[in-house]
């Protein structure tokens, strides 16, 4: 059985914001866009993109067997964790923030 490790990519900064896995890639992406997923910070980010008329890009990182997908997902999360922008790591509060909103203004102002 083929399983995909995928990323949701910020259309403004082109940074990977979320890494996940799914057998049904398009259905999973649709679930993210409908705010079904439980990660509140990720959902808030997607809603802010949608309000600005944008969506995260879907990027397939790896195609693998079901037996190796957990290891592959961990590998890709570790690879992208150094950016400090991943929503996967909810223990690191800096990963849950974004430096600006999607209308071009700095959030701090």
Foldseek 3Di string as FASTA:
>chain_A
DKKFWKFFADPPPRATAEIDMGPDVVVVQVCLLVVVDDLVLSNVQQVLQVVVVHGTDMGTPDIDDPVCVVVVRVVVCVVRVVVLQYSVPVVRVSNSDDQPGPVPDGPVD
